[in-house]
Amino acid sequence: MDDRQPREAAPELQEQQTPGAPHADAKPVDHFPDPQAVRTALEAGRIGVWSWDIQSDTVNWSNNLEEIHDLPAASFDGTFSFVENDVHPDDRAEVQAAIQESLRSGKQYQVQYRLVPRPDRDERWVEAVATVVMENGAPKRLLGVCRDVSDRVRLLGELRARAKQQEAVARLGEQALTEIDLQKLFDDIAATVADLLDVEFVKILELVPGDAELLLRAGIGWKSGLVGSAYESTGRHSQAGYALASGGPVTVIDLKSETRFTSPALLHDHGVTSGVSVPIAGRDGRAYGVIGAHTPQRRRFYEYEVSFLTAIANVIAGAIQRRQLDQRHELMIRELRHRSGNLFAQLLALFSQTAKNSRSVPDLVAKYEARVLALASAHRLITEGGWNAASLTGLLRALLAPYLERVSFTGPDVFLEPDPSFALSAALHELATNANKYGSLSVPAGRLDLSWSVDRTAKGPTLTLDWKEGGGPAPKRTPRPGFGSRLITMVIERQLNGEVHQSFAPTGMATRLVVPLTHERWPGRVIRPAAEEETADAVFSPRQH
């Protein structure tokens, strides 16, 4: 060895000084790099050198192997069992089998294994490569190196995962273009996400009318009976609500220590620890809902996994938009066929009934014109929106435009399908006409308070709208209800399967309208033609009065 070598050579160099014939291409010893340079190069490459003496069952290794194996400094006791115990329990059998095969055959030993998992640490991988040193035809020791390959394994794993995820997104995207039954698509999506993200729970939450709650529309892993019936709040105190408010993905490593929000009952009851939630965005600025992936294990979700879930959320949004468009086309065709004839019947029925309750031709003209304009306003709101759901607030403001300075509005942002919009507009117009003639809007000091809410009932999501008059003349209850009162009852109770409750206190008339709502944002199966549904004659004809 070169006389310039330090007295205390690096362990890795000592192990390489085993007697034996030099290779034909080996460089002269005096050209060998300085041992300190070799040590520095090995440490820079996160490579450690080790030697296992088989007869004495002792192991010598370079100091940096403790760091590579995620062990405290100076903790190695020199035994082979110590090395084995640092290997992940699931990989020990494979490592032992590879060692035995090398000792038996004399071939190179090479294996990759995981380290024993540590709390709050990413998974660590080590690659070991060794040569069998023979003596008198028998293996004497293994001389090899170890290196940290966590980044490489993680990168390869990510590339494989990304390929599978891209394939899944393409497959589900194609399915979303052709699948009529959205529920089947949602179920397939939940199963795919659970498989590719390796999680126990997946939830697809639907934002229900009123925007106060999210319904568990589809999912994997939840207790029986919860899909289709469990709800989660949209408030910022829940993970799903926080995702809706933030407008982007929200990841959680440990729900118990989370400070941004609390664990909702659905997650708490299933022992969820980690998860990621992504909002399902709508093109009109209103979210459709949230998709989430959760696990009881403490886990970190990587950026590519969050990106995959975001892509799946976009697939869901696209499927909903496509079904909405299909249903809108079906509805418009049905309406052109069904309503074009009924519109004339409606106008004739309104004229007939209004004429019976009018005192003179001018009275008839005023009443009839107002009712037709109310219908026209509802039609305008629906058609200008592309036959989409109409905003209840927009409908109320259009109907009560002349009195807005004396009207207060309190309630969530609710959107109504075309049929409820038409029916409600007719009922609200009659209430406004009565208030203008005989109630609170007939005097300057009168006020009108409108408040509404959406709650879950036996009929599903239900709109409750309260119309309260004050500051006007005391209401008078006539012995026989007029056409306007009968019209309100008919459109709400018979056409919308709702309820009408009225009271006549001295302070002013109060009316409560209770109307079941459909989940207009999440279409279900194909809408069937409904030519037999309520017609103008069924709603307005004299024989029903």
Protein backbone atom coordinates (compact mmCIF):
# COMPACT_ATOMS: atom_id res chain seq x y z
CA MET A 1 0.00 0.00 0.00
CA ASP A 2 1.14 3.57 -0.63
CA ASP A 3 3.31 4.88 2.27
CA ARG A 4 1.16 8.01 2.24
CA GLN A 5 -1.87 6.02 3.49
CA PRO A 6 -3.09 7.15 6.91
CA ARG A 7 -2.49 4.78 9.81
CA GLU A 8 -6.22 4.30 10.40
CA ALA A 9 -7.63 3.41 6.99
CA ALA A 10 -11.33 3.75 6.28
CA PRO A 11 -13.23 0.52 7.03
CA GLU A 12 -14.43 0.31 3.50
CA LEU A 13 -10.86 0.31 2.20
CA GLN A 14 -9.73 -2.26 4.73
CA GLU A 15 -12.33 -4.65 3.47
CA GLN A 16 -11.08 -4.23 -0.08
CA GLN A 17 -7.55 -5.38 0.88
CA THR A 18 -8.46 -9.07 0.84
CA PRO A 19 -5.54 -11.10 -0.60
CA GLY A 20 -6.11 -12.38 -4.11
CA ALA A 21 -4.86 -12.15 -7.62
CA PRO A 22 -5.31 -8.65 -9.09
CA HIS A 23 -7.48 -8.20 -12.13
CA ALA A 24 -5.61 -7.93 -15.39
CA ASP A 25 -6.88 -4.40 -15.96
CA ALA A 26 -6.28 -3.20 -12.38
CA LYS A 27 -4.31 0.02 -11.94
CA PRO A 28 -1.05 0.02 -9.92
CA VAL A 29 -1.56 0.49 -6.19
CA ASP A 30 0.31 3.78 -6.11
CA HIS A 31 -2.35 5.24 -8.43
CA PHE A 32 -5.23 4.31 -6.10
CA PRO A 33 -7.15 7.40 -4.88
CA ASP A 34 -6.55 8.78 -1.46
CA PRO A 35 -8.67 6.84 1.12
CA GLN A 36 -10.21 10.06 2.39
CA ALA A 37 -11.29 10.89 -1.15
CA VAL A 38 -12.87 7.46 -1.45
CA ARG A 39 -14.67 7.96 1.85
CA THR A 40 -15.94 11.35 0.69
CA ALA A 41 -17.12 9.92 -2.65
CA LEU A 42 -18.97 7.05 -0.94
CA GLU A 43 -20.65 9.37 1.53
CA ALA A 44 -21.63 11.79 -1.25
CA GLY A 45 -23.25 8.92 -3.15
CA ARG A 46 -24.86 7.67 0.07
CA ILE A 47 -23.04 4.38 -0.36
CA GLY A 48 -21.78 2.37 2.60
CA VAL A 49 -19.36 -0.58 2.66
CA TRP A 50 -19.87 -3.71 4.77
CA SER A 51 -18.30 -7.12 5.30
CA TRP A 52 -19.96 -10.15 6.92
CA ASP A 53 -17.65 -12.86 8.26
CA ILE A 54 -19.76 -15.98 7.99
CA GLN A 55 -17.87 -18.18 10.47
CA SER A 56 -17.80 -15.64 13.30
CA ASP A 57 -21.17 -14.14 12.23
CA THR A 58 -19.83 -10.63 12.67
CA VAL A 59 -20.37 -7.62 10.46
CA ASN A 60 -18.11 -4.65 9.88
CA TRP A 61 -19.55 -1.63 8.16
CA SER A 62 -18.69 1.97 7.46
CA ASN A 63 -20.15 4.57 9.77
CA ASN A 64 -22.40 6.11 7.15
CA LEU A 65 -24.43 2.90 6.93
CA GLU A 66 -26.15 3.88 10.17
CA GLU A 67 -27.41 7.03 8.53
CA ILE A 68 -28.39 5.11 5.38
CA HIS A 69 -30.37 2.67 7.52
CA ASP A 70 -32.00 5.50 9.47
CA LEU A 71 -30.34 4.44 12.74
CA PRO A 72 -28.87 6.51 15.58
CA ALA A 73 -25.12 7.09 15.42
CA ALA A 74 -22.95 4.39 17.06
CA SER A 75 -25.95 2.11 17.56
CA PHE A 76 -24.66 -0.82 15.45
CA ASP A 77 -23.53 -3.74 17.65
CA GLY A 78 -21.68 -5.70 14.94
CA THR A 79 -24.10 -8.66 14.73
CA PHE A 80 -25.89 -9.90 11.65
CA SER A 81 -29.17 -10.18 13.59
CA PHE A 82 -29.00 -6.40 14.18
CA VAL A 83 -28.90 -5.89 10.41
CA GLU A 84 -31.81 -8.27 9.86
CA ASN A 85 -33.96 -6.52 12.46
CA ASP A 86 -33.62 -3.23 10.57
CA VAL A 87 -35.22 -4.76 7.48
CA HIS A 88 -38.97 -4.35 7.07
CA PRO A 89 -40.69 -7.48 8.43
CA ASP A 90 -42.41 -8.09 5.10
CA ASP A 91 -39.04 -8.08 3.26
CA ARG A 92 -36.92 -10.17 5.64
CA ALA A 93 -37.75 -13.52 4.07
CA GLU A 94 -36.75 -12.24 0.62
CA VAL A 95 -33.44 -10.84 1.93
CA GLN A 96 -32.57 -14.07 3.75
CA ALA A 97 -33.44 -16.18 0.69
CA ALA A 98 -31.20 -14.00 -1.54
CA ILE A 99 -28.26 -14.36 0.90
CA GLN A 100 -28.64 -18.13 1.10
CA GLU A 101 -28.81 -18.43 -2.69
CA SER A 102 -25.58 -16.40 -3.08
CA LEU A 103 -23.77 -18.49 -0.47
CA ARG A 104 -24.94 -21.68 -2.17
CA SER A 105 -24.17 -20.70 -5.75
CA GLY A 106 -21.35 -18.21 -5.24
CA LYS A 107 -23.23 -15.73 -7.44
CA GLN A 108 -23.52 -12.02 -6.70
CA TYR A 109 -25.98 -11.04 -4.00
CA GLN A 110 -28.31 -8.19 -4.94
CA VAL A 111 -31.59 -7.20 -3.29
CA GLN A 112 -33.74 -4.19 -2.49
CA TYR A 113 -35.56 -3.94 0.80
CA ARG A 114 -37.52 -1.50 2.90
CA LEU A 115 -36.44 -0.35 6.31
CA VAL A 116 -38.58 -0.73 9.38
CA PRO A 117 -41.12 2.12 9.15
CA ARG A 118 -40.60 5.12 11.41
CA PRO A 119 -43.32 7.56 12.51
CA ASP A 120 -43.58 10.70 10.40
CA ARG A 121 -41.01 9.41 7.89
CA ASP A 122 -41.44 8.51 4.27
CA GLU A 123 -40.79 4.93 3.25
CA ARG A 124 -37.04 4.21 2.98
CA TRP A 125 -35.52 1.74 0.51
CA VAL A 126 -32.00 0.32 0.51
CA GLU A 127 -30.22 -1.63 -2.23
CA ALA A 128 -27.54 -4.13 -1.19
CA VAL A 129 -24.99 -5.65 -3.58
CA ALA A 130 -22.27 -8.08 -2.45
CA THR A 131 -19.68 -10.55 -3.69
CA VAL A 132 -19.06 -13.94 -2.08
CA VAL A 133 -15.43 -14.35 -0.98
CA MET A 134 -14.50 -18.03 -1.19
CA GLU A 135 -11.78 -19.88 0.77
CA ASN A 136 -10.93 -23.53 0.16
CA GLY A 137 -14.05 -23.87 -1.96
CA ALA A 138 -16.36 -22.60 0.77
CA PRO A 139 -17.90 -19.14 1.26
CA LYS A 140 -15.94 -17.22 3.88
CA ARG A 141 -17.62 -13.84 3.81
CA LEU A 142 -19.84 -11.43 1.90
CA LEU A 143 -18.22 -8.15 0.87
CA GLY A 144 -20.58 -5.52 -0.43
CA VAL A 145 -22.12 -2.09 -0.42
CA CYS A 146 -25.50 -0.58 0.49
CA ARG A 147 -27.01 2.57 -0.85
CA ASP A 148 -30.16 4.56 -0.25
CA VAL A 149 -32.41 4.16 -3.31
CA SER A 150 -35.56 5.65 -1.79
CA ASP A 151 -35.76 8.46 -4.33
CA ARG A 152 -35.27 6.10 -7.25
CA VAL A 153 -37.84 3.60 -5.97
CA ARG A 154 -40.27 6.39 -5.23
CA LEU A 155 -39.76 7.86 -8.71
CA LEU A 156 -40.26 4.50 -10.42
CA GLY A 157 -43.32 3.87 -8.28
CA GLU A 158 -44.68 7.29 -9.13
CA LEU A 159 -44.13 6.70 -12.87
CA ARG A 160 -45.95 3.36 -12.70
CA ALA A 161 -48.74 4.89 -10.62
CA ARG A 162 -49.09 7.86 -12.97
CA ALA A 163 -49.35 5.51 -15.96
CA LYS A 164 -52.13 3.54 -14.27
CA GLN A 165 -53.88 6.72 -13.18
CA GLN A 166 -53.74 8.25 -16.67
CA GLU A 167 -55.14 5.03 -18.09
CA ALA A 168 -57.94 5.11 -15.50
CA VAL A 169 -58.76 8.77 -16.22
CA ALA A 170 -58.94 8.01 -19.94
CA ARG A 171 -61.14 4.96 -19.37
CA LEU A 172 -63.49 6.76 -16.98
CA GLY A 173 -63.58 9.81 -19.24
CA GLU A 174 -64.70 7.62 -22.13
CA GLN A 175 -67.29 5.97 -19.89
CA ALA A 176 -68.54 9.39 -18.80
CA LEU A 177 -69.27 10.26 -22.43
CA THR A 178 -71.49 7.22 -22.99
CA GLU A 179 -72.85 6.13 -19.61
CA ILE A 180 -76.53 6.97 -19.18
CA ASP A 181 -76.72 5.84 -15.55
CA LEU A 182 -74.56 8.31 -13.60
CA GLN A 183 -74.87 6.26 -10.42
CA LYS A 184 -73.09 3.35 -12.09
CA LEU A 185 -70.35 5.72 -13.25
CA PHE A 186 -69.94 7.11 -9.72
CA ASP A 187 -69.71 3.59 -8.27
CA ASP A 188 -67.03 2.65 -10.83
CA ILE A 189 -65.12 5.84 -10.06
CA ALA A 190 -65.18 5.17 -6.31
CA ALA A 191 -63.88 1.62 -6.78
CA THR A 192 -61.12 2.81 -9.15
CA VAL A 193 -59.93 5.56 -6.80
CA ALA A 194 -59.86 3.16 -3.84
CA ASP A 195 -57.74 0.70 -5.85
CA LEU A 196 -55.25 3.16 -7.38
CA LEU A 197 -54.76 5.31 -4.26
CA ASP A 198 -54.74 2.25 -2.00
CA VAL A 199 -57.29 3.68 0.45
CA GLU A 200 -60.07 2.04 2.42
CA PHE A 201 -62.66 4.80 1.96
CA VAL A 202 -63.77 6.88 -1.02
CA LYS A 203 -66.70 9.29 -0.95
CA ILE A 204 -68.48 11.21 -3.69
CA LEU A 205 -70.55 13.92 -2.05
CA GLU A 206 -73.42 15.69 -3.79
CA LEU A 207 -74.18 19.30 -2.92
CA VAL A 208 -77.94 19.22 -2.29
CA PRO A 209 -80.39 22.11 -2.81
CA GLY A 210 -79.86 24.84 -0.28
CA ASP A 211 -76.07 24.30 -0.37
CA ALA A 212 -76.01 23.56 3.38
CA GLU A 213 -75.31 19.83 3.21
CA LEU A 214 -73.53 17.23 1.13
CA LEU A 215 -75.12 13.84 0.46
CA LEU A 216 -72.97 10.70 0.28
CA ARG A 217 -74.02 9.86 -3.28
CA ALA A 218 -71.50 7.05 -3.87
CA GLY A 219 -68.54 5.52 -2.08
CA ILE A 220 -66.45 2.57 -1.00
CA GLY A 221 -65.82 1.20 2.51
CA TRP A 222 -68.64 2.91 4.40
CA LYS A 223 -71.01 1.03 6.68
CA SER A 224 -74.06 -0.49 5.06
CA GLY A 225 -76.90 1.92 4.42
CA LEU A 226 -74.87 5.12 4.57
CA VAL A 227 -74.44 5.62 0.83
CA GLY A 228 -77.48 7.58 -0.27
CA SER A 229 -78.48 8.62 3.25
CA ALA A 230 -75.46 10.06 5.12
CA TYR A 231 -74.86 13.81 5.06
CA GLU A 232 -71.90 16.06 5.77
CA SER A 233 -72.03 19.78 6.48
CA THR A 234 -70.76 22.33 3.97
CA GLY A 235 -69.46 24.51 6.80
CA ARG A 236 -65.76 25.26 7.01
CA HIS A 237 -65.62 23.15 10.18
CA SER A 238 -65.66 19.94 8.05
CA GLN A 239 -62.97 18.78 5.64
CA ALA A 240 -65.38 18.65 2.70
CA GLY A 241 -66.82 22.08 3.56
CA TYR A 242 -63.32 23.50 3.89
CA ALA A 243 -62.48 22.13 0.43
CA LEU A 244 -65.59 23.79 -1.01
CA ALA A 245 -64.72 27.11 0.63
CA SER A 246 -61.08 27.00 -0.46
CA GLY A 247 -61.92 25.91 -4.00
CA GLY A 248 -59.00 23.48 -4.14
CA PRO A 249 -57.65 20.19 -2.76
CA VAL A 250 -57.29 19.80 1.01
CA THR A 251 -55.00 17.10 2.43
CA VAL A 252 -54.85 15.83 6.00
CA ILE A 253 -52.10 13.70 7.51
CA ASP A 254 -53.60 13.32 10.97
CA LEU A 255 -57.24 14.29 11.46
CA LYS A 256 -56.91 14.16 15.25
CA SER A 257 -54.33 16.94 15.29
CA GLU A 258 -55.97 18.97 12.50
CA THR A 259 -56.66 22.60 13.47
CA ARG A 260 -58.36 23.92 10.33
CA PHE A 261 -61.53 21.87 10.85
CA THR A 262 -62.94 19.05 12.97
CA SER A 263 -63.60 15.44 12.07
CA PRO A 264 -67.18 15.00 10.79
CA ALA A 265 -69.18 12.10 12.15
CA LEU A 266 -68.83 10.10 8.92
CA LEU A 267 -65.02 10.09 9.15
CA HIS A 268 -64.82 9.86 12.94
CA ASP A 269 -67.10 6.82 13.10
CA HIS A 270 -64.90 4.97 10.62
CA GLY A 271 -61.59 5.76 12.34
CA VAL A 272 -60.24 7.87 9.48
CA THR A 273 -56.81 9.42 10.10
CA SER A 274 -55.54 10.72 6.76
CA GLY A 275 -57.25 11.86 3.59
CA VAL A 276 -57.58 14.25 0.71
CA SER A 277 -60.73 16.08 -0.49
CA VAL A 278 -61.19 17.82 -3.84
CA PRO A 279 -64.17 20.00 -4.85
CA ILE A 280 -66.12 19.02 -7.96
CA ALA A 281 -66.36 22.38 -9.70
CA GLY A 282 -69.25 23.47 -11.89
CA ARG A 283 -68.95 25.72 -14.91
CA ASP A 284 -71.43 28.23 -13.47
CA GLY A 285 -69.36 28.89 -10.35
CA ARG A 286 -71.45 26.59 -8.15
CA ALA A 287 -69.67 23.42 -7.05
CA TYR A 288 -71.36 20.09 -7.72
CA GLY A 289 -69.89 18.51 -4.60
CA VAL A 290 -66.70 16.93 -3.26
CA ILE A 291 -64.75 13.73 -3.87
CA GLY A 292 -62.56 12.40 -1.06
CA ALA A 293 -60.15 9.52 -0.41
CA HIS A 294 -59.47 8.48 3.21
CA THR A 295 -57.61 5.88 5.21
CA PRO A 296 -57.30 4.88 8.89
CA GLN A 297 -53.51 4.77 8.40
CA ARG A 298 -51.35 7.80 9.00
CA ARG A 299 -50.23 8.67 5.50
CA ARG A 300 -48.93 11.46 3.32
CA PHE A 301 -50.64 11.98 -0.04
CA TYR A 302 -48.20 12.99 -2.77
CA GLU A 303 -48.80 15.71 -5.32
CA TYR A 304 -49.36 13.26 -8.18
CA GLU A 305 -52.03 11.46 -6.12
CA VAL A 306 -53.83 14.74 -5.45
CA SER A 307 -53.57 15.59 -9.16
CA PHE A 308 -55.15 12.25 -10.02
CA LEU A 309 -58.08 12.90 -7.68
CA THR A 310 -58.47 16.38 -9.19
CA ALA A 311 -58.62 14.84 -12.68
CA ILE A 312 -61.28 12.40 -11.46
CA ALA A 313 -63.28 15.33 -10.03
CA ASN A 314 -63.15 16.92 -13.48
CA VAL A 315 -64.42 13.68 -15.04
CA ILE A 316 -67.37 13.71 -12.63
CA ALA A 317 -68.10 17.36 -13.38
CA GLY A 318 -67.97 16.67 -17.12
CA ALA A 319 -70.33 13.71 -16.77
CA ILE A 320 -72.83 15.78 -14.80
CA GLN A 321 -72.65 18.62 -17.30
CA ARG A 322 -73.18 16.20 -20.19
CA ARG A 323 -76.23 14.65 -18.52
CA GLN A 324 -77.57 18.10 -17.71
CA LEU A 325 -77.18 19.04 -21.35
CA ASP A 326 -78.85 15.82 -22.49
CA GLN A 327 -81.70 16.31 -20.06
CA ARG A 328 -82.03 19.94 -21.09
CA HIS A 329 -82.35 18.91 -24.72
CA GLU A 330 -84.88 16.23 -23.78
CA LEU A 331 -86.75 18.73 -21.66
CA MET A 332 -86.76 21.38 -24.34
CA ILE A 333 -88.05 18.91 -26.93
CA ARG A 334 -90.71 17.75 -24.50
CA GLU A 335 -91.59 21.33 -23.62
CA LEU A 336 -91.84 22.33 -27.25
CA ARG A 337 -94.21 19.44 -27.81
CA HIS A 338 -96.04 19.53 -24.49
CA ARG A 339 -96.03 23.19 -23.43
CA SER A 340 -96.55 24.79 -26.81
CA GLY A 341 -100.08 23.41 -26.87
CA ASN A 342 -100.62 23.79 -23.15
CA LEU A 343 -99.52 27.42 -23.16
CA PHE A 344 -102.57 28.36 -25.16
CA ALA A 345 -104.73 26.22 -22.88
CA GLN A 346 -103.18 27.95 -19.87
CA LEU A 347 -103.89 31.38 -21.29
CA LEU A 348 -107.48 30.43 -22.15
CA ALA A 349 -108.05 28.87 -18.73
CA LEU A 350 -106.59 31.90 -16.98
CA PHE A 351 -108.77 34.17 -19.08
CA SER A 352 -111.87 32.13 -18.37
CA GLN A 353 -111.31 31.99 -14.62
CA THR A 354 -110.23 35.62 -14.40
CA ALA A 355 -113.31 36.73 -16.32
CA LYS A 356 -115.59 34.92 -13.88
CA ASN A 357 -114.04 36.82 -10.99
CA SER A 358 -113.84 40.26 -12.65
CA ARG A 359 -116.31 43.05 -12.08
CA SER A 360 -115.74 44.79 -15.40
CA VAL A 361 -113.76 44.65 -18.61
CA PRO A 362 -111.04 47.01 -17.28
CA ASP A 363 -110.78 44.85 -14.15
CA LEU A 364 -110.51 41.75 -16.36
CA VAL A 365 -107.81 43.32 -18.53
CA ALA A 366 -105.71 44.39 -15.52
CA LYS A 367 -105.94 41.03 -13.75
CA TYR A 368 -105.38 38.96 -16.85
CA GLU A 369 -102.46 41.04 -18.05
CA ALA A 370 -100.75 40.77 -14.66
CA ARG A 371 -101.11 36.98 -14.53
CA VAL A 372 -99.80 36.55 -18.06
CA LEU A 373 -96.84 38.79 -17.28
CA ALA A 374 -96.05 36.67 -14.20
CA LEU A 375 -95.92 33.56 -16.38
CA ALA A 376 -93.84 35.44 -18.96
CA SER A 377 -91.33 36.51 -16.29
CA ALA A 378 -90.85 32.92 -15.18
CA HIS A 379 -90.44 31.78 -18.78
CA ARG A 380 -87.91 34.54 -19.40
CA LEU A 381 -85.80 33.55 -16.38
CA ILE A 382 -85.76 29.92 -17.51
CA THR A 383 -85.17 30.46 -21.21
CA GLU A 384 -82.53 33.17 -20.78
CA GLY A 385 -80.60 30.78 -18.58
CA GLY A 386 -80.59 28.15 -21.32
CA TRP A 387 -83.40 26.20 -19.63
CA ASN A 388 -81.21 25.75 -16.57
CA ALA A 389 -82.38 25.88 -12.98
CA ALA A 390 -83.48 29.38 -11.96
CA SER A 391 -82.41 31.25 -8.85
CA LEU A 392 -85.20 31.64 -6.29
CA THR A 393 -83.82 35.05 -5.32
CA GLY A 394 -83.87 36.16 -8.96
CA LEU A 395 -87.42 34.91 -9.36
CA LEU A 396 -88.60 36.77 -6.24
CA ARG A 397 -86.90 40.00 -7.28
CA ALA A 398 -88.45 39.83 -10.75
CA LEU A 399 -91.95 39.23 -9.38
CA LEU A 400 -91.68 41.88 -6.65
CA ALA A 401 -89.70 44.46 -8.63
CA PRO A 402 -92.17 47.34 -7.97
CA TYR A 403 -91.95 46.85 -4.19
CA LEU A 404 -88.28 45.98 -3.60
CA GLU A 405 -87.67 48.94 -1.28
CA ARG A 406 -90.27 47.50 1.10
CA VAL A 407 -89.34 43.83 0.86
CA SER A 408 -86.66 41.95 2.80
CA PHE A 409 -85.15 38.68 1.57
CA THR A 410 -83.53 36.13 3.90
CA GLY A 411 -82.47 32.65 2.81
CA PRO A 412 -79.81 30.50 1.13
CA ASP A 413 -79.03 30.46 -2.56
CA VAL A 414 -81.61 28.00 -3.94
CA PHE A 415 -82.02 27.03 -7.57
CA LEU A 416 -85.29 25.64 -8.93
CA GLU A 417 -86.12 23.40 -11.85
CA PRO A 418 -88.34 24.93 -14.58
CA ASP A 419 -91.62 23.36 -13.41
CA PRO A 420 -91.33 24.53 -9.77
CA SER A 421 -90.25 27.95 -11.06
CA PHE A 422 -93.41 28.34 -13.16
CA ALA A 423 -95.68 27.10 -10.39
CA LEU A 424 -94.08 29.24 -7.69
CA SER A 425 -94.19 32.32 -9.90
CA ALA A 426 -97.94 31.87 -10.34
CA ALA A 427 -98.49 31.44 -6.58
CA LEU A 428 -96.22 34.32 -5.59
CA HIS A 429 -97.84 36.61 -8.13
CA GLU A 430 -101.25 35.98 -6.53
CA LEU A 431 -99.81 36.74 -3.07
CA ALA A 432 -98.20 39.95 -4.34
CA THR A 433 -101.42 41.03 -6.08
CA ASN A 434 -103.45 40.45 -2.91
CA ALA A 435 -100.86 42.33 -0.79
CA ASN A 436 -100.90 45.24 -3.22
CA LYS A 437 -104.68 45.49 -3.20
CA TYR A 438 -105.65 44.61 0.36
CA GLY A 439 -102.52 43.91 2.41
CA SER A 440 -99.24 45.41 3.52
CA LEU A 441 -98.20 46.67 0.07
CA SER A 442 -101.41 48.68 -0.27
CA VAL A 443 -100.13 51.40 2.15
CA PRO A 444 -96.77 53.25 2.20
CA ALA A 445 -95.89 52.02 5.70
CA GLY A 446 -96.48 48.37 4.87
CA ARG A 447 -93.67 45.84 4.79
CA LEU A 448 -93.18 42.36 3.38
CA ASP A 449 -90.69 39.87 4.86
CA LEU A 450 -89.71 36.84 2.78
CA SER A 451 -87.57 34.11 4.33
CA TRP A 452 -86.86 30.56 3.22
CA SER A 453 -84.82 27.52 4.09
CA VAL A 454 -84.11 24.06 2.71
CA ASP A 455 -84.41 21.09 5.07
CA ARG A 456 -84.42 17.31 4.83
CA THR A 457 -87.88 15.78 5.22
CA ALA A 458 -89.58 12.49 4.39
CA LYS A 459 -90.09 13.90 0.88
CA GLY A 460 -86.39 14.70 0.48
CA PRO A 461 -84.92 18.23 0.26
CA THR A 462 -87.81 20.60 0.88
CA LEU A 463 -88.11 24.36 0.41
CA THR A 464 -90.07 26.21 3.10
CA LEU A 465 -90.90 29.77 2.11
CA ASP A 466 -92.53 32.18 4.59
CA TRP A 467 -94.43 35.23 3.31
CA LYS A 468 -95.13 37.64 6.18
CA GLU A 469 -96.94 40.95 5.77
CA GLY A 470 -96.87 43.76 8.31
CA GLY A 471 -97.75 47.42 8.69
CA GLY A 472 -100.84 47.20 6.52
CA PRO A 473 -104.59 46.86 7.07
CA ALA A 474 -105.79 43.94 9.18
CA PRO A 475 -106.50 41.03 6.85
CA LYS A 476 -110.07 39.95 6.21
CA ARG A 477 -110.92 36.35 5.53
CA THR A 478 -113.70 36.04 2.97
CA PRO A 479 -116.31 33.29 3.29
CA ARG A 480 -115.40 31.91 -0.08
CA PRO A 481 -111.82 31.84 -1.40
CA GLY A 482 -111.28 33.72 -4.64
CA PHE A 483 -109.63 32.37 -7.75
CA GLY A 484 -106.22 33.64 -6.63
CA SER A 485 -106.35 31.65 -3.39
CA ARG A 486 -107.56 28.56 -5.21
CA LEU A 487 -104.81 28.97 -7.80
CA ILE A 488 -102.13 29.10 -5.07
CA THR A 489 -103.46 25.92 -3.50
CA MET A 490 -103.67 24.12 -6.83
CA VAL A 491 -100.18 24.88 -8.13
CA ILE A 492 -98.46 24.22 -4.81
CA GLU A 493 -100.39 21.20 -3.55
CA ARG A 494 -101.49 19.50 -6.76
CA GLN A 495 -98.74 20.41 -9.19
CA LEU A 496 -95.76 20.40 -6.84
CA ASN A 497 -97.06 17.97 -4.19
CA GLY A 498 -96.44 20.66 -1.58
CA GLU A 499 -98.37 22.36 1.21
CA VAL A 500 -99.97 25.78 1.76
CA HIS A 501 -100.54 27.17 5.28
CA GLN A 502 -102.14 30.59 5.83
CA SER A 503 -102.91 32.62 8.94
CA PHE A 504 -104.75 35.95 9.27
CA ALA A 505 -103.40 37.68 12.39
CA PRO A 506 -104.28 41.34 13.05
CA THR A 507 -100.69 42.32 12.28
CA GLY A 508 -100.91 40.93 8.77
CA MET A 509 -101.41 37.84 6.66
CA ALA A 510 -98.79 35.09 6.78
CA THR A 511 -98.42 32.32 4.21
CA ARG A 512 -96.08 29.33 4.33
CA LEU A 513 -95.36 27.43 1.12
CA VAL A 514 -93.71 24.01 1.49
CA VAL A 515 -92.33 22.62 -1.79
CA PRO A 516 -90.31 19.38 -2.31
CA LEU A 517 -87.21 19.97 -4.43
CA THR A 518 -85.35 17.78 -6.85
CA HIS A 519 -81.55 17.44 -6.92
CA GLU A 520 -81.32 19.58 -9.98
CA ARG A 521 -77.52 19.61 -10.00
CA TRP A 522 -77.02 15.82 -10.17
CA PRO A 523 -79.22 14.24 -12.85
CA GLY A 524 -80.16 10.62 -12.34
CA ARG A 525 -81.20 8.17 -14.99
CA VAL A 526 -82.71 9.21 -18.30
CA ILE A 527 -85.70 11.50 -17.93
CA ARG A 528 -88.70 9.84 -19.50
CA PRO A 529 -91.24 11.85 -21.52
CA ALA A 530 -94.12 12.90 -19.31
CA ALA A 531 -96.92 13.78 -21.65
CA GLU A 532 -99.39 12.61 -19.05
CA GLU A 533 -98.07 14.97 -16.36
CA GLU A 534 -100.04 17.99 -15.19
CA THR A 535 -101.42 20.03 -18.05
CA ALA A 536 -102.82 23.48 -17.99
CA ASP A 537 -106.31 22.04 -18.13
CA ALA A 538 -105.61 19.84 -15.08
CA VAL A 539 -104.35 22.81 -13.11
CA PHE A 540 -106.63 25.61 -14.23
CA SER A 541 -109.81 23.94 -15.48
CA PRO A 542 -113.08 25.03 -13.84
CA ARG A 543 -114.12 21.48 -12.88
CA GLN A 544 -111.36 21.35 -10.23
CA HIS A 545 -112.65 24.39 -8.33
